[in-house]
Protein backbone atom coordinates (compact mmCIF):
# COMPACT_ATOMS: atom_id res chain seq x y z
CA MET A 1 18.86 -24.95 26.59
CA PRO A 2 15.00 -25.53 25.64
CA SER A 3 16.18 -25.86 21.89
CA ILE A 4 18.86 -28.52 22.87
CA VAL A 5 16.37 -30.64 24.71
CA SER A 6 13.55 -30.35 22.20
CA ARG A 7 16.26 -31.36 19.37
CA PHE A 8 17.65 -34.47 21.20
CA GLY A 9 14.41 -35.20 23.23
CA GLN A 10 14.30 -38.33 25.30
CA ARG A 11 17.40 -40.44 24.26
CA ASN A 12 20.05 -38.06 25.47
CA ARG A 13 18.12 -36.38 28.48
CA GLN A 14 20.30 -37.52 31.22
CA ARG A 15 23.45 -36.68 29.49
CA ILE A 16 22.39 -32.97 28.61
CA ASP A 17 20.96 -32.79 32.54
CA ALA A 18 24.41 -33.78 33.89
CA ALA A 19 26.31 -31.91 31.17
CA GLY A 20 24.22 -28.72 32.21
CA THR A 21 24.68 -29.45 35.89
CA TRP A 22 28.56 -29.50 35.50
CA VAL A 23 28.51 -26.32 33.46
CA VAL A 24 26.32 -24.60 36.44
CA LEU A 25 28.73 -25.99 39.07
CA ILE A 26 31.90 -25.01 37.25
CA TYR A 27 30.37 -21.43 36.35
CA GLY A 28 29.54 -21.17 39.92
CA GLY A 29 32.99 -22.03 41.19
CA ILE A 30 34.79 -19.73 38.99
CA THR A 31 32.49 -16.85 39.82
CA SER A 32 32.91 -17.64 43.45
CA VAL A 33 36.75 -17.70 43.24
CA LEU A 34 36.50 -14.48 41.43
CA ILE A 35 34.37 -13.10 44.09
CA LEU A 36 36.94 -14.24 46.74
CA ALA A 37 39.65 -12.59 44.55
CA ALA A 38 37.87 -9.06 44.94
CA ILE A 39 37.76 -9.25 48.54
CA PRO A 40 41.11 -7.70 49.33
CA LEU A 41 40.26 -4.93 46.80
CA VAL A 42 37.29 -4.13 48.60
CA ALA A 43 38.70 -4.41 51.89
CA LEU A 44 41.07 -1.56 50.90
CA TRP A 45 37.68 0.53 50.59
CA THR A 46 35.84 -0.83 53.42
CA HIS A 47 35.94 -3.87 55.75
CA GLU A 48 31.95 -4.04 56.14
CA PHE A 49 31.59 -6.24 53.15
CA THR A 50 34.17 -8.95 53.81
CA ALA A 51 31.86 -11.34 55.57
CA SER A 52 28.94 -11.11 53.20
CA LEU A 53 31.32 -11.72 50.31
CA ILE A 54 32.66 -14.83 51.77
CA CYS A 55 29.22 -16.06 52.32
CA LEU A 56 28.11 -14.91 48.97
CA ALA A 57 31.18 -16.90 47.58
CA ALA A 58 30.17 -19.84 49.46
CA VAL A 59 26.27 -19.94 48.52
CA ASN A 60 27.02 -18.93 44.80
CA PRO A 61 27.07 -22.51 43.41
CA LEU A 62 24.20 -23.47 45.17
CA GLN A 63 21.96 -20.63 44.08
CA ARG A 64 23.09 -21.06 40.47
CA LEU A 65 22.25 -24.89 40.97
CA TYR A 66 18.84 -24.20 42.42
CA VAL A 67 17.85 -21.59 39.22
CA PHE A 68 19.25 -24.31 37.09
CA PHE A 69 17.02 -27.10 38.61
CA ARG A 70 13.91 -24.68 38.36
CA ARG A 71 14.60 -24.02 34.64
CA LEU A 72 15.03 -27.84 34.10
CA CYS A 73 11.60 -28.59 35.82
CA TYR A 74 9.67 -25.99 33.54
CA ILE A 75 11.21 -27.33 30.64
CA ARG A 76 10.24 -31.06 31.51
CA ASP A 77 6.74 -29.57 32.38
CA ARG A 78 7.08 -30.18 36.13
CA GLN A 79 5.49 -27.14 37.78
CA ASP A 80 4.56 -29.05 40.71
CA THR A 81 8.20 -29.75 41.26
CA THR A 82 8.97 -26.32 40.52
CA ALA A 83 6.43 -25.21 43.23
CA ILE A 84 7.99 -27.40 45.78
CA ALA A 85 11.44 -26.25 45.16
CA SER A 86 10.22 -22.56 45.34
CA ILE A 87 8.88 -23.05 48.57
CA PHE A 88 11.72 -24.76 49.98
CA GLY A 89 13.84 -22.07 48.71
CA ASP A 90 11.56 -19.35 50.49
CA ILE A 91 11.95 -21.29 53.56
CA MET A 92 15.77 -21.58 53.31
CA ARG A 93 15.99 -17.77 52.64
CA SER A 94 13.84 -16.82 55.79
């Protein structure tokens, strides 16, 4: 991603950001579906992880979007925004 941003610079920044966001959301959705598909197999082994896997599948796209946002802030040299996002992420995990 840094190489793409440095090559195309300011003129295509919004398009690159939007495309990256869509890629992250689609990938998060696909991996969440795979996690949900694995639940019946895990349930054969033990039922203790079923609720945790459902929660992971629900939160997975948001976690991936959060990491993407932080990386994007570092690339854009917005460490102040990244620090605020990190504090908010820590609060949400508590």
